[in-house]
Amino acid sequence: SSLRLCIRPELPHEVLQTVFQVDSLADVAQALAQPFESAAPELQRVLAVVQQIRRERSRLPWQPLTLVLPGTPDESRLLAAACEDRVGSEMNYVDFLCHTHKLVQNKQ
């Protein structure tokens, strides 16, 4: 299983430029492929969250990051799979979001 970063078409253009430093959704994958050190600070924060999730799930195999863009087959698969399916002792989705939010707030 992989971690998925879903970019929705409603994403404001300013966010696309600030975080990914690109002008179109089609260029986000290229922005994610650049070295961490050369990424914009906002993108570094997103990637740091991905790394934290990977660390917290260390008992699982390394999870690649999959970019999900609007209108792609990946989007259809993600939306079809977007149901809560607890694995072992993992948190449910709402608890996970609250936990992640708390982590982000504590770092600020």
PDB file of N, CA and C in Angstrom:
ATOM      1  N   SER A   1       0.843  -1.173   0.000  1.00  0.00           N
ATOM      2  CA  SER A   1       0.000   0.000   0.000  1.00  0.00           C
ATOM      3  C   SER A   1       0.893   1.242   0.000  1.00  0.00           C
ATOM      4  N   SER A   2       0.384   2.293  -0.583  1.00  0.00           N
ATOM      5  CA  SER A   2       1.176   3.519  -0.660  1.00  0.00           C
ATOM      6  C   SER A   2       0.421   4.662   0.000  1.00  0.00           C
ATOM      7  N   LEU A   3       1.156   5.698   0.329  1.00  0.00           N
ATOM      8  CA  LEU A   3       0.555   6.937   0.803  1.00  0.00           C
ATOM      9  C   LEU A   3       0.122   7.705  -0.432  1.00  0.00           C
ATOM     10  N   ARG A   4      -0.999   8.365  -0.353  1.00  0.00           N
ATOM     11  CA  ARG A   4      -1.504   9.086  -1.519  1.00  0.00           C
ATOM     12  C   ARG A   4      -1.655  10.561  -1.202  1.00  0.00           C
ATOM     13  N   LEU A   5      -1.161  11.377  -2.110  1.00  0.00           N
ATOM     14  CA  LEU A   5      -1.349  12.820  -2.034  1.00  0.00           C
ATOM     15  C   LEU A   5      -2.325  13.167  -3.147  1.00  0.00           C
ATOM     16  N   CYS A   6      -3.534  13.487  -2.747  1.00  0.00           N
ATOM     17  CA  CYS A   6      -4.598  13.766  -3.711  1.00  0.00           C
ATOM     18  C   CYS A   6      -4.690  15.276  -3.918  1.00  0.00           C
ATOM     19  N   ILE A   7      -4.499  15.697  -5.141  1.00  0.00           N
ATOM     20  CA  ILE A   7      -4.609  17.111  -5.497  1.00  0.00           C
ATOM     21  C   ILE A   7      -5.944  17.294  -6.210  1.00  0.00           C
ATOM     22  N   ARG A   8      -6.801  18.071  -5.623  1.00  0.00           N
ATOM     23  CA  ARG A   8      -8.143  18.290  -6.178  1.00  0.00           C
ATOM     24  C   ARG A   8      -8.133  19.499  -7.116  1.00  0.00           C
ATOM     25  N   PRO A   9      -9.049  19.525  -8.092  1.00  0.00           N
ATOM     26  CA  PRO A   9      -9.085  20.653  -9.032  1.00  0.00           C
ATOM     27  C   PRO A   9      -9.454  21.976  -8.364  1.00  0.00           C
ATOM     28  N   GLU A  10     -10.039  21.906  -7.164  1.00  0.00           N
ATOM     29  CA  GLU A  10     -10.422  23.125  -6.443  1.00  0.00           C
ATOM     30  C   GLU A  10      -9.235  23.810  -5.780  1.00  0.00           C
ATOM     31  N   LEU A  11      -8.067  23.187  -5.808  1.00  0.00           N
ATOM     32  CA  LEU A  11      -6.891  23.770  -5.171  1.00  0.00           C
ATOM     33  C   LEU A  11      -6.624  25.150  -5.771  1.00  0.00           C
ATOM     34  N   PRO A  12      -6.594  26.182  -4.941  1.00  0.00           N
ATOM     35  CA  PRO A  12      -6.345  27.526  -5.478  1.00  0.00           C
ATOM     36  C   PRO A  12      -4.981  27.600  -6.188  1.00  0.00           C
ATOM     37  N   HIS A  13      -4.957  28.346  -7.271  1.00  0.00           N
ATOM     38  CA  HIS A  13      -3.735  28.485  -8.058  1.00  0.00           C
ATOM     39  C   HIS A  13      -2.589  29.038  -7.214  1.00  0.00           C
ATOM     40  N   GLU A  14      -2.908  29.938  -6.268  1.00  0.00           N
ATOM     41  CA  GLU A  14      -1.876  30.505  -5.406  1.00  0.00           C
ATOM     42  C   GLU A  14      -1.196  29.417  -4.569  1.00  0.00           C
ATOM     43  N   VAL A  15      -1.971  28.444  -4.100  1.00  0.00           N
ATOM     44  CA  VAL A  15      -1.408  27.344  -3.311  1.00  0.00           C
ATOM     45  C   VAL A  15      -0.523  26.475  -4.196  1.00  0.00           C
ATOM     46  N   LEU A  16      -0.978  26.228  -5.399  1.00  0.00           N
ATOM     47  CA  LEU A  16      -0.186  25.448  -6.356  1.00  0.00           C
ATOM     48  C   LEU A  16       1.168  26.108  -6.583  1.00  0.00           C
ATOM     49  N   GLN A  17       1.172  27.425  -6.719  1.00  0.00           N
ATOM     50  CA  GLN A  17       2.422  28.152  -6.943  1.00  0.00           C
ATOM     51  C   GLN A  17       3.278  28.209  -5.676  1.00  0.00           C
ATOM     52  N   THR A  18       2.653  28.451  -4.540  1.00  0.00           N
ATOM     53  CA  THR A  18       3.408  28.596  -3.297  1.00  0.00           C
ATOM     54  C   THR A  18       4.014  27.279  -2.834  1.00  0.00           C
ATOM     55  N   VAL A  19       3.214  26.231  -2.816  1.00  0.00           N
ATOM     56  CA  VAL A  19       3.680  24.951  -2.285  1.00  0.00           C
ATOM     57  C   VAL A  19       4.550  24.205  -3.288  1.00  0.00           C
ATOM     58  N   PHE A  20       4.050  24.072  -4.524  1.00  0.00           N
ATOM     59  CA  PHE A  20       4.744  23.244  -5.514  1.00  0.00           C
ATOM     60  C   PHE A  20       5.591  24.044  -6.498  1.00  0.00           C
ATOM     61  N   GLN A  21       5.419  25.362  -6.496  1.00  0.00           N
ATOM     62  CA  GLN A  21       6.127  26.259  -7.414  1.00  0.00           C
ATOM     63  C   GLN A  21       5.914  25.861  -8.872  1.00  0.00           C
ATOM     64  N   VAL A  22       4.649  25.530  -9.201  1.00  0.00           N
ATOM     65  CA  VAL A  22       4.278  25.188 -10.573  1.00  0.00           C
ATOM     66  C   VAL A  22       2.999  25.935 -10.923  1.00  0.00           C
ATOM     67  N   ASP A  23       2.690  25.961 -12.214  1.00  0.00           N
ATOM     68  CA  ASP A  23       1.487  26.658 -12.671  1.00  0.00           C
ATOM     69  C   ASP A  23       0.350  25.725 -13.051  1.00  0.00           C
ATOM     70  N   SER A  24       0.616  24.421 -13.165  1.00  0.00           N
ATOM     71  CA  SER A  24      -0.451  23.498 -13.547  1.00  0.00           C
ATOM     72  C   SER A  24      -0.366  22.217 -12.731  1.00  0.00           C
ATOM     73  N   LEU A  25      -1.504  21.566 -12.586  1.00  0.00           N
ATOM     74  CA  LEU A  25      -1.557  20.302 -11.854  1.00  0.00           C
ATOM     75  C   LEU A  25      -0.653  19.252 -12.490  1.00  0.00           C
ATOM     76  N   ALA A  26      -0.501  19.313 -13.799  1.00  0.00           N
ATOM     77  CA  ALA A  26       0.323  18.333 -14.507  1.00  0.00           C
ATOM     78  C   ALA A  26       1.794  18.405 -14.097  1.00  0.00           C
ATOM     79  N   ASP A  27       2.219  19.537 -13.542  1.00  0.00           N
ATOM     80  CA  ASP A  27       3.629  19.712 -13.166  1.00  0.00           C
ATOM     81  C   ASP A  27       3.928  19.363 -11.705  1.00  0.00           C
ATOM     82  N   VAL A  28       2.903  18.989 -10.934  1.00  0.00           N
ATOM     83  CA  VAL A  28       3.109  18.695  -9.517  1.00  0.00           C
ATOM     84  C   VAL A  28       4.045  17.497  -9.331  1.00  0.00           C
ATOM     85  N   ALA A  29       3.904  16.471 -10.152  1.00  0.00           N
ATOM     86  CA  ALA A  29       4.764  15.281 -10.024  1.00  0.00           C
ATOM     87  C   ALA A  29       6.233  15.655 -10.166  1.00  0.00           C
ATOM     88  N   GLN A  30       6.522  16.544 -11.096  1.00  0.00           N
ATOM     89  CA  GLN A  30       7.903  16.987 -11.294  1.00  0.00           C
ATOM     90  C   GLN A  30       8.400  17.748 -10.051  1.00  0.00           C
ATOM     91  N   ALA A  31       7.541  18.537  -9.443  1.00  0.00           N
ATOM     92  CA  ALA A  31       7.925  19.270  -8.232  1.00  0.00           C
ATOM     93  C   ALA A  31       8.220  18.309  -7.087  1.00  0.00           C
ATOM     94  N   LEU A  32       7.438  17.242  -6.984  1.00  0.00           N
ATOM     95  CA  LEU A  32       7.658  16.261  -5.926  1.00  0.00           C
ATOM     96  C   LEU A  32       8.933  15.454  -6.139  1.00  0.00           C
ATOM     97  N   ALA A  33       9.393  15.355  -7.375  1.00  0.00           N
ATOM     98  CA  ALA A  33      10.576  14.560  -7.690  1.00  0.00           C
ATOM     99  C   ALA A  33      11.888  15.285  -7.391  1.00  0.00           C
ATOM    100  N   GLN A  34      11.822  16.586  -7.160  1.00  0.00           N
ATOM    101  CA  GLN A  34      13.057  17.332  -6.913  1.00  0.00           C
ATOM    102  C   GLN A  34      13.627  16.994  -5.535  1.00  0.00           C
ATOM    103  N   PRO A  35      14.910  17.212  -5.343  1.00  0.00           N
ATOM    104  CA  PRO A  35      15.515  16.951  -4.028  1.00  0.00           C
ATOM    105  C   PRO A  35      14.854  17.792  -2.939  1.00  0.00           C
ATOM    106  N   PHE A  36      14.744  17.224  -1.764  1.00  0.00           N
ATOM    107  CA  PHE A  36      14.104  17.884  -0.628  1.00  0.00           C
ATOM    108  C   PHE A  36      14.685  19.272  -0.380  1.00  0.00           C
ATOM    109  N   GLU A  37      15.992  19.389  -0.443  1.00  0.00           N
ATOM    110  CA  GLU A  37      16.668  20.644  -0.124  1.00  0.00           C
ATOM    111  C   GLU A  37      16.319  21.774  -1.086  1.00  0.00           C
ATOM    112  N   SER A  38      15.971  21.438  -2.327  1.00  0.00           N
ATOM    113  CA  SER A  38      15.655  22.492  -3.295  1.00  0.00           C
ATOM    114  C   SER A  38      14.161  22.787  -3.381  1.00  0.00           C
ATOM    115  N   ALA A  39      13.351  22.075  -2.600  1.00  0.00           N
ATOM    116  CA  ALA A  39      11.901  22.312  -2.598  1.00  0.00           C
ATOM    117  C   ALA A  39      11.583  23.572  -1.805  1.00  0.00           C
ATOM    118  N   ALA A  40      10.453  24.169  -2.121  1.00  0.00           N
ATOM    119  CA  ALA A  40       9.979  25.340  -1.375  1.00  0.00           C
ATOM    120  C   ALA A  40       9.732  24.933   0.073  1.00  0.00           C
ATOM    121  N   PRO A  41       9.873  25.863   1.009  1.00  0.00           N
ATOM    122  CA  PRO A  41       9.650  25.537   2.427  1.00  0.00           C
ATOM    123  C   PRO A  41       8.275  24.900   2.692  1.00  0.00           C
ATOM    124  N   GLU A  42       7.256  25.362   1.982  1.00  0.00           N
ATOM    125  CA  GLU A  42       5.914  24.814   2.167  1.00  0.00           C
ATOM    126  C   GLU A  42       5.853  23.357   1.722  1.00  0.00           C
ATOM    127  N   LEU A  43       6.515  23.044   0.611  1.00  0.00           N
ATOM    128  CA  LEU A  43       6.560  21.662   0.139  1.00  0.00           C
ATOM    129  C   LEU A  43       7.406  20.807   1.079  1.00  0.00           C
ATOM    130  N   GLN A  44       8.450  21.371   1.624  1.00  0.00           N
ATOM    131  CA  GLN A  44       9.255  20.635   2.598  1.00  0.00           C
ATOM    132  C   GLN A  44       8.404  20.240   3.805  1.00  0.00           C
ATOM    133  N   ARG A  45       7.496  21.109   4.207  1.00  0.00           N
ATOM    134  CA  ARG A  45       6.594  20.780   5.325  1.00  0.00           C
ATOM    135  C   ARG A  45       5.677  19.620   4.965  1.00  0.00           C
ATOM    136  N   VAL A  46       5.138  19.628   3.747  1.00  0.00           N
ATOM    137  CA  VAL A  46       4.284  18.522   3.294  1.00  0.00           C
ATOM    138  C   VAL A  46       5.084  17.223   3.297  1.00  0.00           C
ATOM    139  N   LEU A  47       6.290  17.262   2.759  1.00  0.00           N
ATOM    140  CA  LEU A  47       7.132  16.069   2.695  1.00  0.00           C
ATOM    141  C   LEU A  47       7.557  15.610   4.088  1.00  0.00           C
ATOM    142  N   ALA A  48       7.715  16.551   5.009  1.00  0.00           N
ATOM    143  CA  ALA A  48       8.055  16.190   6.387  1.00  0.00           C
ATOM    144  C   ALA A  48       6.902  15.425   7.042  1.00  0.00           C
ATOM    145  N   VAL A  49       5.678  15.809   6.728  1.00  0.00           N
ATOM    146  CA  VAL A  49       4.515  15.081   7.243  1.00  0.00           C
ATOM    147  C   VAL A  49       4.509  13.661   6.682  1.00  0.00           C
ATOM    148  N   VAL A  50       4.812  13.528   5.394  1.00  0.00           N
ATOM    149  CA  VAL A  50       4.888  12.197   4.777  1.00  0.00           C
ATOM    150  C   VAL A  50       5.944  11.351   5.484  1.00  0.00           C
ATOM    151  N   GLN A  51       7.100  11.928   5.736  1.00  0.00           N
ATOM    152  CA  GLN A  51       8.170  11.205   6.422  1.00  0.00           C
ATOM    153  C   GLN A  51       7.755  10.804   7.840  1.00  0.00           C
ATOM    154  N   GLN A  52       7.053  11.692   8.534  1.00  0.00           N
ATOM    155  CA  GLN A  52       6.588  11.374   9.887  1.00  0.00           C
ATOM    156  C   GLN A  52       5.608  10.205   9.854  1.00  0.00           C
ATOM    157  N   ILE A  53       4.714  10.203   8.901  1.00  0.00           N
ATOM    158  CA  ILE A  53       3.764   9.091   8.768  1.00  0.00           C
ATOM    159  C   ILE A  53       4.527   7.799   8.508  1.00  0.00           C
ATOM    160  N   ARG A  54       5.515   7.852   7.646  1.00  0.00           N
ATOM    161  CA  ARG A  54       6.312   6.660   7.367  1.00  0.00           C
ATOM    162  C   ARG A  54       7.029   6.168   8.626  1.00  0.00           C
ATOM    163  N   ARG A  55       7.565   7.095   9.420  1.00  0.00           N
ATOM    164  CA  ARG A  55       8.257   6.698  10.657  1.00  0.00           C
ATOM    165  C   ARG A  55       7.295   6.040  11.635  1.00  0.00           C
ATOM    166  N   GLU A  56       6.086   6.609  11.750  1.00  0.00           N
ATOM    167  CA  GLU A  56       5.112   6.069  12.691  1.00  0.00           C
ATOM    168  C   GLU A  56       4.571   4.715  12.244  1.00  0.00           C
ATOM    169  N   ARG A  57       4.700   4.424  10.995  1.00  0.00           N
ATOM    170  CA  ARG A  57       4.244   3.131  10.474  1.00  0.00           C
ATOM    171  C   ARG A  57       5.437   2.251  10.136  1.00  0.00           C
ATOM    172  N   SER A  58       6.457   2.329  10.945  1.00  0.00           N
ATOM    173  CA  SER A  58       7.717   1.648  10.654  1.00  0.00           C
ATOM    174  C   SER A  58       7.581   0.131  10.628  1.00  0.00           C
ATOM    175  N   ARG A  59       6.548  -0.405  11.275  1.00  0.00           N
ATOM    176  CA  ARG A  59       6.393  -1.858  11.253  1.00  0.00           C
ATOM    177  C   ARG A  59       5.875  -2.349   9.904  1.00  0.00           C
ATOM    178  N   LEU A  60       5.384  -1.424   9.102  1.00  0.00           N
ATOM    179  CA  LEU A  60       4.923  -1.766   7.757  1.00  0.00           C
ATOM    180  C   LEU A  60       6.072  -1.567   6.776  1.00  0.00           C
ATOM    181  N   PRO A  61       5.997  -2.204   5.601  1.00  0.00           N
ATOM    182  CA  PRO A  61       7.030  -1.935   4.586  1.00  0.00           C
ATOM    183  C   PRO A  61       7.012  -0.456   4.205  1.00  0.00           C
ATOM    184  N   TRP A  62       8.164   0.012   3.703  1.00  0.00           N
ATOM    185  CA  TRP A  62       8.271   1.414   3.281  1.00  0.00           C
ATOM    186  C   TRP A  62       7.140   1.740   2.318  1.00  0.00           C
ATOM    187  N   GLN A  63       6.466   2.841   2.531  1.00  0.00           N
ATOM    188  CA  GLN A  63       5.310   3.203   1.729  1.00  0.00           C
ATOM    189  C   GLN A  63       5.661   4.320   0.749  1.00  0.00           C
ATOM    190  N   PRO A  64       5.570   4.031  -0.541  1.00  0.00           N
ATOM    191  CA  PRO A  64       5.835   5.087  -1.525  1.00  0.00           C
ATOM    192  C   PRO A  64       4.723   6.134  -1.493  1.00  0.00           C
ATOM    193  N   LEU A  65       5.042   7.308  -1.996  1.00  0.00           N
ATOM    194  CA  LEU A  65       4.061   8.385  -2.095  1.00  0.00           C
ATOM    195  C   LEU A  65       3.531   8.408  -3.524  1.00  0.00           C
ATOM    196  N   THR A  66       2.224   8.265  -3.656  1.00  0.00           N
ATOM    197  CA  THR A  66       1.581   8.279  -4.964  1.00  0.00           C
ATOM    198  C   THR A  66       0.802   9.576  -5.123  1.00  0.00           C
ATOM    199  N   LEU A  67       1.036  10.262  -6.198  1.00  0.00           N
ATOM    200  CA  LEU A  67       0.314  11.498  -6.501  1.00  0.00           C
ATOM    201  C   LEU A  67      -0.969  11.142  -7.242  1.00  0.00           C
ATOM    202  N   VAL A  68      -2.083  11.648  -6.749  1.00  0.00           N
ATOM    203  CA  VAL A  68      -3.382  11.388  -7.370  1.00  0.00           C
ATOM    204  C   VAL A  68      -3.920  12.712  -7.905  1.00  0.00           C
ATOM    205  N   LEU A  69      -4.056  12.782  -9.221  1.00  0.00           N
ATOM    206  CA  LEU A  69      -4.530  14.007  -9.874  1.00  0.00           C
ATOM    207  C   LEU A  69      -5.953  13.825 -10.385  1.00  0.00           C
ATOM    208  N   PRO A  70      -6.691  14.926 -10.551  1.00  0.00           N
ATOM    209  CA  PRO A  70      -8.076  14.841 -11.013  1.00  0.00           C
ATOM    210  C   PRO A  70      -8.177  14.227 -12.398  1.00  0.00           C
ATOM    211  N   GLY A  71      -9.208  13.408 -12.579  1.00  0.00           N
ATOM    212  CA  GLY A  71      -9.488  12.831 -13.889  1.00  0.00           C
ATOM    213  C   GLY A  71      -8.622  11.643 -14.264  1.00  0.00           C
ATOM    214  N   THR A  72      -7.805  11.165 -13.332  1.00  0.00           N
ATOM    215  CA  THR A  72      -6.936  10.030 -13.635  1.00  0.00           C
ATOM    216  C   THR A  72      -7.560   8.747 -13.091  1.00  0.00           C
ATOM    217  N   PRO A  73      -7.133   7.597 -13.600  1.00  0.00           N
ATOM    218  CA  PRO A  73      -7.623   6.333 -13.041  1.00  0.00           C
ATOM    219  C   PRO A  73      -7.289   6.207 -11.549  1.00  0.00           C
ATOM    220  N   ASP A  74      -6.153   6.781 -11.134  1.00  0.00           N
ATOM    221  CA  ASP A  74      -5.793   6.747  -9.710  1.00  0.00           C
ATOM    222  C   ASP A  74      -6.846   7.457  -8.858  1.00  0.00           C
ATOM    223  N   GLU A  75      -7.403   8.543  -9.371  1.00  0.00           N
ATOM    224  CA  GLU A  75      -8.436   9.262  -8.625  1.00  0.00           C
ATOM    225  C   GLU A  75      -9.667   8.386  -8.443  1.00  0.00           C
ATOM    226  N   SER A  76     -10.072   7.705  -9.505  1.00  0.00           N
ATOM    227  CA  SER A  76     -11.239   6.819  -9.416  1.00  0.00           C
ATOM    228  C   SER A  76     -11.001   5.717  -8.399  1.00  0.00           C
ATOM    229  N   ARG A  77      -9.805   5.130  -8.422  1.00  0.00           N
ATOM    230  CA  ARG A  77      -9.487   4.056  -7.465  1.00  0.00           C
ATOM    231  C   ARG A  77      -9.458   4.583  -6.036  1.00  0.00           C
ATOM    232  N   LEU A  78      -8.893   5.783  -5.853  1.00  0.00           N
ATOM    233  CA  LEU A  78      -8.829   6.361  -4.511  1.00  0.00           C
ATOM    234  C   LEU A  78     -10.223   6.643  -3.978  1.00  0.00           C
ATOM    235  N   LEU A  79     -11.064   7.254  -4.786  1.00  0.00           N
ATOM    236  CA  LEU A  79     -12.407   7.579  -4.336  1.00  0.00           C
ATOM    237  C   LEU A  79     -13.210   6.317  -4.033  1.00  0.00           C
ATOM    238  N   ALA A  80     -12.985   5.262  -4.813  1.00  0.00           N
ATOM    239  CA  ALA A  80     -13.679   4.000  -4.556  1.00  0.00           C
ATOM    240  C   ALA A  80     -13.186   3.346  -3.268  1.00  0.00           C
ATOM    241  N   ALA A  81     -11.918   3.572  -2.937  1.00  0.00           N
ATOM    242  CA  ALA A  81     -11.330   2.949  -1.750  1.00  0.00           C
ATOM    243  C   ALA A  81     -11.426   3.824  -0.508  1.00  0.00           C
ATOM    244  N   ALA A  82     -11.974   5.016  -0.652  1.00  0.00           N
ATOM    245  CA  ALA A  82     -11.995   5.965   0.466  1.00  0.00           C
ATOM    246  C   ALA A  82     -13.090   5.604   1.473  1.00  0.00           C
ATOM    247  N   CYS A  83     -12.938   4.456   2.054  1.00  0.00           N
ATOM    248  CA  CYS A  83     -13.830   4.057   3.129  1.00  0.00           C
ATOM    249  C   CYS A  83     -12.957   3.663   4.308  1.00  0.00           C
ATOM    250  N   GLU A  84     -13.504   3.725   5.472  1.00  0.00           N
ATOM    251  CA  GLU A  84     -12.719   3.421   6.664  1.00  0.00           C
ATOM    252  C   GLU A  84     -12.553   1.919   6.788  1.00  0.00           C
ATOM    253  N   ASP A  85     -11.314   1.471   6.822  1.00  0.00           N
ATOM    254  CA  ASP A  85     -11.002   0.057   6.932  1.00  0.00           C
ATOM    255  C   ASP A  85      -9.869  -0.084   7.939  1.00  0.00           C
ATOM    256  N   ARG A  86     -10.212  -0.348   9.172  1.00  0.00           N
ATOM    257  CA  ARG A  86      -9.224  -0.439  10.229  1.00  0.00           C
ATOM    258  C   ARG A  86      -8.328  -1.653  10.038  1.00  0.00           C
ATOM    259  N   VAL A  87      -7.034  -1.438  10.249  1.00  0.00           N
ATOM    260  CA  VAL A  87      -6.055  -2.513  10.163  1.00  0.00           C
ATOM    261  C   VAL A  87      -5.430  -2.682  11.536  1.00  0.00           C
ATOM    262  N   GLY A  88      -5.624  -3.843  12.130  1.00  0.00           N
ATOM    263  CA  GLY A  88      -5.006  -4.116  13.428  1.00  0.00           C
ATOM    264  C   GLY A  88      -5.377  -3.075  14.457  1.00  0.00           C
ATOM    265  N   SER A  89      -4.366  -2.492  15.078  1.00  0.00           N
ATOM    266  CA  SER A  89      -4.599  -1.518  16.141  1.00  0.00           C
ATOM    267  C   SER A  89      -4.459  -0.078  15.658  1.00  0.00           C
ATOM    268  N   GLU A  90      -4.509   0.127  14.349  1.00  0.00           N
ATOM    269  CA  GLU A  90      -4.368   1.483  13.818  1.00  0.00           C
ATOM    270  C   GLU A  90      -5.593   2.329  14.135  1.00  0.00           C
ATOM    271  N   MET A  91      -5.385   3.637  14.190  1.00  0.00           N
ATOM    272  CA  MET A  91      -6.465   4.575  14.473  1.00  0.00           C
ATOM    273  C   MET A  91      -7.437   4.622  13.301  1.00  0.00           C
ATOM    274  N   ASN A  92      -8.709   4.961  13.609  1.00  0.00           N
ATOM    275  CA  ASN A  92      -9.623   5.198  12.503  1.00  0.00           C
ATOM    276  C   ASN A  92      -9.273   6.546  11.877  1.00  0.00           C
ATOM    277  N   TYR A  93      -9.892   6.857  10.754  1.00  0.00           N
ATOM    278  CA  TYR A  93      -9.499   8.029   9.976  1.00  0.00           C
ATOM    279  C   TYR A  93      -9.659   9.334  10.758  1.00  0.00           C
ATOM    280  N   VAL A  94     -10.776   9.482  11.449  1.00  0.00           N
ATOM    281  CA  VAL A  94     -11.018  10.715  12.200  1.00  0.00           C
ATOM    282  C   VAL A  94      -9.980  10.876  13.308  1.00  0.00           C
ATOM    283  N   ASP A  95      -9.702   9.793  14.031  1.00  0.00           N
ATOM    284  CA  ASP A  95      -8.684   9.861  15.080  1.00  0.00           C
ATOM    285  C   ASP A  95      -7.315  10.180  14.502  1.00  0.00           C
ATOM    286  N   PHE A  96      -7.017   9.594  13.351  1.00  0.00           N
ATOM    287  CA  PHE A  96      -5.735   9.862  12.687  1.00  0.00           C
ATOM    288  C   PHE A  96      -5.621  11.339  12.315  1.00  0.00           C
ATOM    289  N   LEU A  97      -6.680  11.913  11.748  1.00  0.00           N
ATOM    290  CA  LEU A  97      -6.654  13.331  11.387  1.00  0.00           C
ATOM    291  C   LEU A  97      -6.472  14.213  12.618  1.00  0.00           C
ATOM    292  N   CYS A  98      -7.168  13.886  13.701  1.00  0.00           N
ATOM    293  CA  CYS A  98      -7.026  14.664  14.941  1.00  0.00           C
ATOM    294  C   CYS A  98      -5.607  14.539  15.482  1.00  0.00           C
ATOM    295  N   HIS A  99      -5.068  13.338  15.444  1.00  0.00           N
ATOM    296  CA  HIS A  99      -3.704  13.103  15.911  1.00  0.00           C
ATOM    297  C   HIS A  99      -2.698  13.894  15.071  1.00  0.00           C
ATOM    298  N   THR A 100      -2.850  13.854  13.745  1.00  0.00           N
ATOM    299  CA  THR A 100      -1.957  14.579  12.849  1.00  0.00           C
ATOM    300  C   THR A 100      -2.064  16.083  13.072  1.00  0.00           C
ATOM    301  N   HIS A 101      -3.288  16.569  13.255  1.00  0.00           N
ATOM    302  CA  HIS A 101      -3.498  17.994  13.517  1.00  0.00           C
ATOM    303  C   HIS A 101      -2.787  18.406  14.813  1.00  0.00           C
ATOM    304  N   LYS A 102      -2.908  17.573  15.839  1.00  0.00           N
ATOM    305  CA  LYS A 102      -2.246  17.868  17.113  1.00  0.00           C
ATOM    306  C   LYS A 102      -0.728  17.919  16.937  1.00  0.00           C
ATOM    307  N   LEU A 103      -0.170  16.991  16.157  1.00  0.00           N
ATOM    308  CA  LEU A 103       1.271  16.986  15.908  1.00  0.00           C
ATOM    309  C   LEU A 103       1.706  18.273  15.215  1.00  0.00           C
ATOM    310  N   VAL A 104       0.939  18.689  14.217  1.00  0.00           N
ATOM    311  CA  VAL A 104       1.266  19.907  13.474  1.00  0.00           C
ATOM    312  C   VAL A 104       1.182  21.112  14.399  1.00  0.00           C
ATOM    313  N   GLN A 105       0.136  21.189  15.222  1.00  0.00           N
ATOM    314  CA  GLN A 105      -0.025  22.317  16.134  1.00  0.00           C
ATOM    315  C   GLN A 105       1.103  22.380  17.162  1.00  0.00           C
ATOM    316  N   ASN A 106       1.561  21.226  17.623  1.00  0.00           N
ATOM    317  CA  ASN A 106       2.642  21.193  18.616  1.00  0.00           C
ATOM    318  C   ASN A 106       3.968  21.638  18.040  1.00  0.00           C
ATOM    319  N   LYS A 107       4.153  21.530  16.733  1.00  0.00           N
ATOM    320  CA  LYS A 107       5.425  21.921  16.102  1.00  0.00           C
ATOM    321  C   LYS A 107       5.479  23.415  15.809  1.00  0.00           C
ATOM    322  N   GLN A 108       4.346  24.092  15.849  1.00  0.00           N
ATOM    323  CA  GLN A 108       4.328  25.513  15.514  1.00  0.00           C
ATOM    324  C   GLN A 108       4.724  26.360  16.672  1.00  0.00           C
TER     325      GLN A 108
END
